[in-house]
Amino acid sequence: MEYRNKLVLAPMVRVGTLPFRLLASDYGADITYAEEIIDHKIIKCDRIVNEYIGSTDFVEKGTDNVVFRTCDQERDRVVFQMGTSDAVRALKAAEIVCKDVAVVDINMGCPRPFSVSGGMGAALLSKPDLIHDILTTLRRNIDTPVTCKIRLLNSSHDTVELARRIEKTGVSAPAVHGRKVADRPRDPAEWNDIADIVSSLSIPVIANGDVFEYDHIERIKVATGASSVMVARGALWNASIFSPKVKEHWEDVKKEYVRKVGLSILPNLSAT
């Protein structure tokens, strides 16, 4: 997976499902992150090839609950993002999915109480030794590329030092959300702090934060020096944000999304 000069769909809970990832890709997203899935959850899954709709499903044992669904069409660009707080468990989970995805990513930025209370997400930012353990364990034991997504620490210096330590683990790229853990979505993303990270690393950095229109993509590139850009809410509001053409009306985007959802349930709809 090449991480330079890419447009990236961010991981979003209850949003980053297969139909939405395919939709974003159709509009120009080069890399699409699935919604975060906790390691405990994927470990309890069986891998099942769903020939009816042409997907690969990871289904919770003893249930019909599809925890993660992917397909060959996105094999070279889908990122499986994992919530974890333990290197051994992370590896066990990664080994279940790694041959069906392009990249395994570790979530180190989610500030939600559920993640933080479990030692996952943003809780990892204060545990650099554990970060190192998780990332190096994955890098040494799976052939699939490994990445991570972080937030800013309280000082730019501290964030840069953490990013440098992450780089030494051999990950392909960190995605950096330009907000601190305590920041809310209404707080402006700190693109200058992302720029400090970009200038300090030799690997690609994916800049994330406050990209709501296509022209914002070039603005954040110029401001941060990052060649790759991750889009979250902007894509949620209108997935055609990835297209350099005129933005599609949201009603048309919605119809295309509904069509893809239908195809993931009834593939024979493709003939209509």
C-alpha atoms as a PDB file:
ATOM      1  CA  MET A   1       0.000   0.000   0.000  1.00  0.00           C
ATOM      2  CA  GLU A   2       1.418   3.366  -1.063  1.00  0.00           C
ATOM      3  CA  TYR A   3       0.458   6.168   1.315  1.00  0.00           C
ATOM      4  CA  ARG A   4       1.719   9.188  -0.594  1.00  0.00           C
ATOM      5  CA  ASN A   5      -0.677  11.437  -2.539  1.00  0.00           C
ATOM      6  CA  LYS A   6      -3.816   9.648  -1.411  1.00  0.00           C
ATOM      7  CA  LEU A   7      -7.353  10.694  -0.563  1.00  0.00           C
ATOM      8  CA  VAL A   8      -8.535   8.716   2.435  1.00  0.00           C
ATOM      9  CA  LEU A   9     -11.930   7.960   3.928  1.00  0.00           C
ATOM     10  CA  ALA A  10     -11.625   8.176   7.712  1.00  0.00           C
ATOM     11  CA  PRO A  11     -12.823   5.440  10.063  1.00  0.00           C
ATOM     12  CA  MET A  12     -16.269   6.344  11.371  1.00  0.00           C
ATOM     13  CA  VAL A  13     -18.339   4.196  13.708  1.00  0.00           C
ATOM     14  CA  ARG A  14     -21.654   3.049  12.207  1.00  0.00           C
ATOM     15  CA  VAL A  15     -20.704   4.788   8.964  1.00  0.00           C
ATOM     16  CA  GLY A  16     -17.695   2.993   7.482  1.00  0.00           C
ATOM     17  CA  THR A  17     -19.606  -0.062   6.281  1.00  0.00           C
ATOM     18  CA  LEU A  18     -18.952  -1.809   2.984  1.00  0.00           C
ATOM     19  CA  PRO A  19     -21.592   0.120   0.963  1.00  0.00           C
ATOM     20  CA  PHE A  20     -20.289   3.488   2.162  1.00  0.00           C
ATOM     21  CA  ARG A  21     -16.673   2.511   1.530  1.00  0.00           C
ATOM     22  CA  LEU A  22     -17.526   1.467  -2.015  1.00  0.00           C
ATOM     23  CA  LEU A  23     -19.451   4.710  -2.497  1.00  0.00           C
ATOM     24  CA  ALA A  24     -16.490   6.821  -1.365  1.00  0.00           C
ATOM     25  CA  SER A  25     -14.201   4.856  -3.632  1.00  0.00           C
ATOM     26  CA  ASP A  26     -16.442   5.450  -6.629  1.00  0.00           C
ATOM     27  CA  TYR A  27     -16.153   9.196  -5.999  1.00  0.00           C
ATOM     28  CA  GLY A  28     -12.354   9.104  -5.747  1.00  0.00           C
ATOM     29  CA  ALA A  29     -11.223   7.874  -2.324  1.00  0.00           C
ATOM     30  CA  ASP A  30      -7.976   5.924  -2.783  1.00  0.00           C
ATOM     31  CA  ILE A  31      -7.990   4.325   0.679  1.00  0.00           C
ATOM     32  CA  THR A  32     -11.075   3.517   2.744  1.00  0.00           C
ATOM     33  CA  TYR A  33     -10.998   2.796   6.464  1.00  0.00           C
ATOM     34  CA  ALA A  34     -13.631   0.530   7.943  1.00  0.00           C
ATOM     35  CA  GLU A  35     -15.256   1.479  11.223  1.00  0.00           C
ATOM     36  CA  GLU A  36     -13.239   0.577  14.313  1.00  0.00           C
ATOM     37  CA  ILE A  37     -13.764  -2.966  15.559  1.00  0.00           C
ATOM     38  CA  ILE A  38     -12.581  -4.076  18.994  1.00  0.00           C
ATOM     39  CA  ASP A  39     -10.093  -6.956  19.082  1.00  0.00           C
ATOM     40  CA  HIS A  40     -12.261  -8.959  21.498  1.00  0.00           C
ATOM     41  CA  LYS A  41     -15.079  -8.821  18.933  1.00  0.00           C
ATOM     42  CA  ILE A  42     -13.190 -10.016  15.863  1.00  0.00           C
ATOM     43  CA  ILE A  43     -11.528 -12.824  17.816  1.00  0.00           C
ATOM     44  CA  LYS A  44     -15.000 -14.290  18.396  1.00  0.00           C
ATOM     45  CA  CYS A  45     -15.726 -14.399  14.660  1.00  0.00           C
ATOM     46  CA  ASP A  46     -15.672 -17.055  11.968  1.00  0.00           C
ATOM     47  CA  ARG A  47     -14.606 -16.128   8.443  1.00  0.00           C
ATOM     48  CA  ILE A  48     -17.384 -17.012   6.026  1.00  0.00           C
ATOM     49  CA  VAL A  49     -17.402 -16.532   2.259  1.00  0.00           C
ATOM     50  CA  ASN A  50     -20.840 -15.231   1.333  1.00  0.00           C
ATOM     51  CA  GLU A  51     -21.218 -16.416  -2.242  1.00  0.00           C
ATOM     52  CA  TYR A  52     -24.726 -14.961  -2.539  1.00  0.00           C
ATOM     53  CA  ILE A  53     -23.555 -11.352  -2.424  1.00  0.00           C
ATOM     54  CA  GLY A  54     -19.867 -11.954  -3.205  1.00  0.00           C
ATOM     55  CA  SER A  55     -18.510 -10.834   0.148  1.00  0.00           C
ATOM     56  CA  THR A  56     -16.238 -12.149   2.866  1.00  0.00           C
ATOM     57  CA  ASP A  57     -17.997 -11.926   6.216  1.00  0.00           C
ATOM     58  CA  PHE A  58     -16.618 -12.172   9.721  1.00  0.00           C
ATOM     59  CA  VAL A  59     -19.559 -13.480  11.711  1.00  0.00           C
ATOM     60  CA  GLU A  60     -19.786 -13.693  15.485  1.00  0.00           C
ATOM     61  CA  LYS A  61     -19.743 -17.327  16.509  1.00  0.00           C
ATOM     62  CA  GLY A  62     -23.171 -18.754  17.336  1.00  0.00           C
ATOM     63  CA  THR A  63     -25.015 -15.790  15.813  1.00  0.00           C
ATOM     64  CA  ASP A  64     -25.869 -14.234  12.460  1.00  0.00           C
ATOM     65  CA  ASN A  65     -24.167 -10.969  13.466  1.00  0.00           C
ATOM     66  CA  VAL A  66     -21.778  -9.787  10.741  1.00  0.00           C
ATOM     67  CA  VAL A  67     -19.049  -7.886  12.584  1.00  0.00           C
ATOM     68  CA  PHE A  68     -17.006  -7.012   9.492  1.00  0.00           C
ATOM     69  CA  ARG A  69     -17.792  -7.402   5.796  1.00  0.00           C
ATOM     70  CA  THR A  70     -15.491  -6.832   2.850  1.00  0.00           C
ATOM     71  CA  CYS A  71     -15.189  -7.951  -0.770  1.00  0.00           C
ATOM     72  CA  ASP A  72     -12.626  -8.469  -3.518  1.00  0.00           C
ATOM     73  CA  GLN A  73     -13.526  -5.127  -5.097  1.00  0.00           C
ATOM     74  CA  GLU A  74     -11.918  -3.234  -2.198  1.00  0.00           C
ATOM     75  CA  ARG A  75      -9.176  -5.717  -1.335  1.00  0.00           C
ATOM     76  CA  ASP A  76      -6.333  -3.393  -2.330  1.00  0.00           C
ATOM     77  CA  ARG A  77      -7.543  -0.323  -0.445  1.00  0.00           C
ATOM     78  CA  VAL A  78      -9.624  -1.272   2.618  1.00  0.00           C
ATOM     79  CA  VAL A  79      -8.103  -0.645   6.045  1.00  0.00           C
ATOM     80  CA  PHE A  80      -9.212  -2.712   9.022  1.00  0.00           C
ATOM     81  CA  GLN A  81      -9.066  -0.440  12.055  1.00  0.00           C
ATOM     82  CA  MET A  82      -8.778  -2.158  15.395  1.00  0.00           C
ATOM     83  CA  GLY A  83      -9.365  -1.030  18.955  1.00  0.00           C
ATOM     84  CA  THR A  84      -6.960  -2.788  21.291  1.00  0.00           C
ATOM     85  CA  SER A  85      -4.932  -2.415  24.475  1.00  0.00           C
ATOM     86  CA  ASP A  86      -2.878  -5.602  24.270  1.00  0.00           C
ATOM     87  CA  ALA A  87      -0.237  -6.673  21.749  1.00  0.00           C
ATOM     88  CA  VAL A  88      -0.900 -10.412  21.923  1.00  0.00           C
ATOM     89  CA  ARG A  89      -4.639  -9.958  21.526  1.00  0.00           C
ATOM     90  CA  ALA A  90      -4.124  -7.443  18.711  1.00  0.00           C
ATOM     91  CA  LEU A  91      -2.002  -9.963  16.826  1.00  0.00           C
ATOM     92  CA  LYS A  92      -4.572 -12.709  17.295  1.00  0.00           C
ATOM     93  CA  ALA A  93      -7.277 -10.429  15.900  1.00  0.00           C
ATOM     94  CA  ALA A  94      -5.104  -9.185  13.027  1.00  0.00           C
ATOM     95  CA  GLU A  95      -4.267 -12.726  11.946  1.00  0.00           C
ATOM     96  CA  ILE A  96      -7.985 -13.403  11.431  1.00  0.00           C
ATOM     97  CA  VAL A  97      -8.510 -10.572   8.930  1.00  0.00           C
ATOM     98  CA  CYS A  98      -5.094  -9.625   7.537  1.00  0.00           C
ATOM     99  CA  LYS A  99      -5.290 -11.685   4.349  1.00  0.00           C
ATOM    100  CA  ASP A 100      -8.577 -10.044   3.364  1.00  0.00           C
ATOM    101  CA  VAL A 101      -7.583  -6.396   3.850  1.00  0.00           C
ATOM    102  CA  ALA A 102      -4.909  -4.047   2.539  1.00  0.00           C
ATOM    103  CA  VAL A 103      -3.818  -2.626   5.902  1.00  0.00           C
ATOM    104  CA  VAL A 104      -4.316  -3.204   9.624  1.00  0.00           C
ATOM    105  CA  ASP A 105      -4.613   0.049  11.591  1.00  0.00           C
ATOM    106  CA  ILE A 106      -4.537   0.634  15.342  1.00  0.00           C
ATOM    107  CA  ASN A 107      -6.869   3.290  16.730  1.00  0.00           C
ATOM    108  CA  MET A 108      -4.950   5.572  19.086  1.00  0.00           C
ATOM    109  CA  GLY A 109      -7.149   8.628  18.867  1.00  0.00           C
ATOM    110  CA  CYS A 110     -10.721   7.821  19.859  1.00  0.00           C
ATOM    111  CA  PRO A 111     -11.661   9.868  22.949  1.00  0.00           C
ATOM    112  CA  ARG A 112     -14.954   8.101  23.691  1.00  0.00           C
ATOM    113  CA  PRO A 113     -15.300   6.871  27.291  1.00  0.00           C
ATOM    114  CA  PHE A 114     -15.857   3.301  26.114  1.00  0.00           C
ATOM    115  CA  SER A 115     -12.482   3.208  24.370  1.00  0.00           C
ATOM    116  CA  VAL A 116     -10.517   5.146  26.958  1.00  0.00           C
ATOM    117  CA  SER A 117     -11.918   3.192  29.914  1.00  0.00           C
ATOM    118  CA  GLY A 118     -10.811  -0.017  28.210  1.00  0.00           C
ATOM    119  CA  GLY A 119      -7.288   1.304  27.689  1.00  0.00           C
ATOM    120  CA  MET A 120      -7.882   1.673  23.956  1.00  0.00           C
ATOM    121  CA  GLY A 121      -8.045   4.612  21.569  1.00  0.00           C
ATOM    122  CA  ALA A 122      -6.712   7.870  23.016  1.00  0.00           C
ATOM    123  CA  ALA A 123      -5.713   6.066  26.234  1.00  0.00           C
ATOM    124  CA  LEU A 124      -2.756   4.646  24.316  1.00  0.00           C
ATOM    125  CA  LEU A 125      -1.315   8.111  23.698  1.00  0.00           C
ATOM    126  CA  SER A 126      -0.001   8.222  27.270  1.00  0.00           C
ATOM    127  CA  LYS A 127       1.510   4.729  26.979  1.00  0.00           C
ATOM    128  CA  PRO A 128       4.316   4.912  24.419  1.00  0.00           C
ATOM    129  CA  ASP A 129       5.814   1.596  25.540  1.00  0.00           C
ATOM    130  CA  LEU A 130       2.525  -0.171  24.922  1.00  0.00           C
ATOM    131  CA  ILE A 131       2.186   1.567  21.552  1.00  0.00           C
ATOM    132  CA  HIS A 132       5.640   0.290  20.643  1.00  0.00           C
ATOM    133  CA  ASP A 133       4.768  -3.224  21.810  1.00  0.00           C
ATOM    134  CA  ILE A 134       1.529  -3.407  19.824  1.00  0.00           C
ATOM    135  CA  LEU A 135       2.931  -1.991  16.593  1.00  0.00           C
ATOM    136  CA  THR A 136       6.189  -3.965  16.618  1.00  0.00           C
ATOM    137  CA  THR A 137       4.348  -7.195  17.444  1.00  0.00           C
ATOM    138  CA  LEU A 138       2.099  -6.714  14.434  1.00  0.00           C
ATOM    139  CA  ARG A 139       4.917  -5.640  12.140  1.00  0.00           C
ATOM    140  CA  ARG A 140       7.023  -8.697  13.003  1.00  0.00           C
ATOM    141  CA  ASN A 141       4.275 -11.265  12.657  1.00  0.00           C
ATOM    142  CA  ILE A 142       2.001 -10.309   9.759  1.00  0.00           C
ATOM    143  CA  ASP A 143       2.890  -9.454   6.176  1.00  0.00           C
ATOM    144  CA  THR A 144       0.067  -6.927   5.850  1.00  0.00           C
ATOM    145  CA  PRO A 145       1.124  -3.270   6.272  1.00  0.00           C
ATOM    146  CA  VAL A 146       0.418  -1.709   9.658  1.00  0.00           C
ATOM    147  CA  THR A 147      -0.584   1.889  10.397  1.00  0.00           C
ATOM    148  CA  CYS A 148      -2.059   3.862  13.286  1.00  0.00           C
ATOM    149  CA  LYS A 149      -4.223   6.919  13.833  1.00  0.00           C
ATOM    150  CA  ILE A 150      -3.352   9.362  16.605  1.00  0.00           C
ATOM    151  CA  ARG A 151      -4.423  12.713  18.042  1.00  0.00           C
ATOM    152  CA  LEU A 152      -2.280  15.621  19.147  1.00  0.00           C
ATOM    153  CA  LEU A 153      -0.760  15.629  22.613  1.00  0.00           C
ATOM    154  CA  ASN A 154      -0.766  18.728  24.795  1.00  0.00           C
ATOM    155  CA  SER A 155       2.427  20.067  23.228  1.00  0.00           C
ATOM    156  CA  SER A 156       3.703  19.881  19.686  1.00  0.00           C
ATOM    157  CA  HIS A 157       7.072  18.648  20.984  1.00  0.00           C
ATOM    158  CA  ASP A 158       5.462  15.709  22.752  1.00  0.00           C
ATOM    159  CA  THR A 159       3.430  14.784  19.687  1.00  0.00           C
ATOM    160  CA  VAL A 160       6.508  14.876  17.469  1.00  0.00           C
ATOM    161  CA  GLU A 161       8.440  12.680  19.890  1.00  0.00           C
ATOM    162  CA  LEU A 162       5.612  10.151  19.949  1.00  0.00           C
ATOM    163  CA  ALA A 163       5.374  10.206  16.146  1.00  0.00           C
ATOM    164  CA  ARG A 164       9.123   9.590  15.876  1.00  0.00           C
ATOM    165  CA  ARG A 165       8.807   6.596  18.168  1.00  0.00           C
ATOM    166  CA  ILE A 166       5.923   5.290  16.078  1.00  0.00           C
ATOM    167  CA  GLU A 167       7.996   5.690  12.918  1.00  0.00           C
ATOM    168  CA  LYS A 168      10.735   3.492  14.412  1.00  0.00           C
ATOM    169  CA  THR A 169       8.301   0.581  14.714  1.00  0.00           C
ATOM    170  CA  GLY A 170       8.198   0.332  10.921  1.00  0.00           C
ATOM    171  CA  VAL A 171       4.597   1.374  10.315  1.00  0.00           C
ATOM    172  CA  SER A 172       3.709   2.553   6.831  1.00  0.00           C
ATOM    173  CA  ALA A 173       2.121   5.844   7.895  1.00  0.00           C
ATOM    174  CA  PRO A 174       0.447   7.535  10.836  1.00  0.00           C
ATOM    175  CA  ALA A 175      -2.788   9.424  10.355  1.00  0.00           C
ATOM    176  CA  VAL A 176      -2.894  12.519  12.551  1.00  0.00           C
ATOM    177  CA  HIS A 177      -6.150  14.079  13.671  1.00  0.00           C
ATOM    178  CA  GLY A 178      -5.309  17.719  14.340  1.00  0.00           C
ATOM    179  CA  ARG A 179      -7.145  17.892  17.650  1.00  0.00           C
ATOM    180  CA  LYS A 180      -6.272  17.022  21.219  1.00  0.00           C
ATOM    181  CA  VAL A 181      -8.199  14.479  23.245  1.00  0.00           C
ATOM    182  CA  ALA A 182     -10.161  17.144  25.117  1.00  0.00           C
ATOM    183  CA  ASP A 183     -11.073  19.041  21.947  1.00  0.00           C
ATOM    184  CA  ARG A 184     -14.552  18.814  20.513  1.00  0.00           C
ATOM    185  CA  PRO A 185     -15.489  18.709  16.822  1.00  0.00           C
ATOM    186  CA  ARG A 186     -16.385  22.426  16.930  1.00  0.00           C
ATOM    187  CA  ASP A 187     -12.818  23.277  17.970  1.00  0.00           C
ATOM    188  CA  PRO A 188     -10.619  24.120  14.965  1.00  0.00           C
ATOM    189  CA  ALA A 189      -8.095  21.517  13.859  1.00  0.00           C
ATOM    190  CA  GLU A 190      -4.499  22.578  14.503  1.00  0.00           C
ATOM    191  CA  TRP A 191      -2.929  22.123  11.102  1.00  0.00           C
ATOM    192  CA  ASN A 192       0.326  23.750  12.254  1.00  0.00           C
ATOM    193  CA  ASP A 193       0.917  20.926  14.720  1.00  0.00           C
ATOM    194  CA  ILE A 194       0.403  18.384  11.955  1.00  0.00           C
ATOM    195  CA  ALA A 195       3.008  20.287   9.922  1.00  0.00           C
ATOM    196  CA  ASP A 196       5.523  19.833  12.752  1.00  0.00           C
ATOM    197  CA  ILE A 197       5.018  16.070  12.556  1.00  0.00           C
ATOM    198  CA  VAL A 198       5.270  15.963   8.767  1.00  0.00           C
ATOM    199  CA  SER A 199       8.582  17.846   8.831  1.00  0.00           C
ATOM    200  CA  SER A 200       9.976  15.501  11.491  1.00  0.00           C
ATOM    201  CA  LEU A 201       9.251  12.142   9.830  1.00  0.00           C
ATOM    202  CA  SER A 202      10.509  10.418   6.708  1.00  0.00           C
ATOM    203  CA  ILE A 203       7.392   8.279   6.255  1.00  0.00           C
ATOM    204  CA  PRO A 204       4.121   9.675   4.869  1.00  0.00           C
ATOM    205  CA  VAL A 205       1.737  11.403   7.264  1.00  0.00           C
ATOM    206  CA  ILE A 206      -2.006  11.509   6.613  1.00  0.00           C
ATOM    207  CA  ALA A 207      -3.485  14.849   7.668  1.00  0.00           C
ATOM    208  CA  ASN A 208      -6.983  14.810   9.157  1.00  0.00           C
ATOM    209  CA  GLY A 209      -9.246  17.572  10.430  1.00  0.00           C
ATOM    210  CA  ASP A 210     -11.616  20.232   9.074  1.00  0.00           C
ATOM    211  CA  VAL A 211     -11.821  19.052   5.476  1.00  0.00           C
ATOM    212  CA  PHE A 212     -15.383  19.763   4.405  1.00  0.00           C
ATOM    213  CA  GLU A 213     -15.033  20.724   0.730  1.00  0.00           C
ATOM    214  CA  TYR A 214     -12.837  19.468  -2.098  1.00  0.00           C
ATOM    215  CA  ASP A 215     -10.768  22.669  -2.110  1.00  0.00           C
ATOM    216  CA  HIS A 216      -9.982  22.137   1.587  1.00  0.00           C
ATOM    217  CA  ILE A 217      -7.908  19.137   0.512  1.00  0.00           C
ATOM    218  CA  GLU A 218      -5.367  21.354  -1.189  1.00  0.00           C
ATOM    219  CA  ARG A 219      -5.449  23.842   1.692  1.00  0.00           C
ATOM    220  CA  ILE A 220      -4.540  21.248   4.305  1.00  0.00           C
ATOM    221  CA  LYS A 221      -1.806  19.881   2.032  1.00  0.00           C
ATOM    222  CA  VAL A 222      -0.247  23.322   1.726  1.00  0.00           C
ATOM    223  CA  ALA A 223      -0.637  24.107   5.432  1.00  0.00           C
ATOM    224  CA  THR A 224       0.773  20.805   6.715  1.00  0.00           C
ATOM    225  CA  GLY A 225       3.082  19.569   3.985  1.00  0.00           C
ATOM    226  CA  ALA A 226       1.264  16.237   4.048  1.00  0.00           C
ATOM    227  CA  SER A 227       0.631  14.711   0.636  1.00  0.00           C
ATOM    228  CA  SER A 228      -2.258  12.533   1.819  1.00  0.00           C
ATOM    229  CA  VAL A 229      -5.496  13.758   3.349  1.00  0.00           C
ATOM    230  CA  MET A 230      -8.127  11.965   5.410  1.00  0.00           C
ATOM    231  CA  VAL A 231     -11.755  13.109   5.307  1.00  0.00           C
ATOM    232  CA  ALA A 232     -14.346  12.295   7.972  1.00  0.00           C
ATOM    233  CA  ARG A 233     -17.417  14.521   8.441  1.00  0.00           C
ATOM    234  CA  GLY A 234     -17.013  16.064   5.001  1.00  0.00           C
ATOM    235  CA  ALA A 235     -17.460  12.596   3.474  1.00  0.00           C
ATOM    236  CA  LEU A 236     -20.326  11.789   5.810  1.00  0.00           C
ATOM    237  CA  TRP A 237     -22.183  14.884   4.672  1.00  0.00           C
ATOM    238  CA  ASN A 238     -21.477  14.245   0.991  1.00  0.00           C
ATOM    239  CA  ALA A 239     -19.291  11.372  -0.223  1.00  0.00           C
ATOM    240  CA  SER A 240     -18.663  13.125  -3.539  1.00  0.00           C
ATOM    241  CA  ILE A 241     -16.201  15.391  -1.686  1.00  0.00           C
ATOM    242  CA  PHE A 242     -13.474  13.117  -3.062  1.00  0.00           C
ATOM    243  CA  SER A 243     -14.323  14.047  -6.644  1.00  0.00           C
ATOM    244  CA  PRO A 244     -12.557  16.997  -8.326  1.00  0.00           C
ATOM    245  CA  LYS A 245     -15.661  17.416 -10.479  1.00  0.00           C
ATOM    246  CA  VAL A 246     -18.687  19.456  -9.421  1.00  0.00           C
ATOM    247  CA  LYS A 247     -20.009  18.159  -6.106  1.00  0.00           C
ATOM    248  CA  GLU A 248     -23.021  15.903  -6.540  1.00  0.00           C
ATOM    249  CA  HIS A 249     -26.271  16.960  -4.907  1.00  0.00           C
ATOM    250  CA  TRP A 250     -26.651  15.109  -1.639  1.00  0.00           C
ATOM    251  CA  GLU A 251     -29.948  13.601  -2.797  1.00  0.00           C
ATOM    252  CA  ASP A 252     -28.177  11.936  -5.724  1.00  0.00           C
ATOM    253  CA  VAL A 253     -25.400  10.702  -3.442  1.00  0.00           C
ATOM    254  CA  LYS A 254     -28.002   9.314  -1.054  1.00  0.00           C
ATOM    255  CA  LYS A 255     -29.732   7.420  -3.863  1.00  0.00           C
ATOM    256  CA  GLU A 256     -26.442   5.882  -4.956  1.00  0.00           C
ATOM    257  CA  TYR A 257     -25.700   4.861  -1.374  1.00  0.00           C
ATOM    258  CA  VAL A 258     -29.115   3.219  -1.021  1.00  0.00           C
ATOM    259  CA  ARG A 259     -28.492   1.379  -4.286  1.00  0.00           C
ATOM    260  CA  LYS A 260     -25.203   0.003  -2.956  1.00  0.00           C
ATOM    261  CA  VAL A 261     -26.871  -1.053   0.267  1.00  0.00           C
ATOM    262  CA  GLY A 262     -29.439  -2.905  -1.810  1.00  0.00           C
ATOM    263  CA  LEU A 263     -26.752  -4.632  -3.838  1.00  0.00           C
ATOM    264  CA  SER A 264     -25.094  -5.821  -0.637  1.00  0.00           C
ATOM    265  CA  ILE A 265     -28.355  -7.546   0.281  1.00  0.00           C
ATOM    266  CA  LEU A 266     -29.838  -8.468  -3.103  1.00  0.00           C
ATOM    267  CA  PRO A 267     -27.069  -8.674  -5.735  1.00  0.00           C
ATOM    268  CA  ASN A 268     -29.544  -9.427  -8.510  1.00  0.00           C
ATOM    269  CA  LEU A 269     -30.584  -5.762  -8.267  1.00  0.00           C
ATOM    270  CA  SER A 270     -27.523  -4.990 -10.421  1.00  0.00           C
ATOM    271  CA  ALA A 271     -29.542  -6.183 -13.387  1.00  0.00           C
ATOM    272  CA  THR A 272     -32.242  -3.590 -12.861  1.00  0.00           C
END
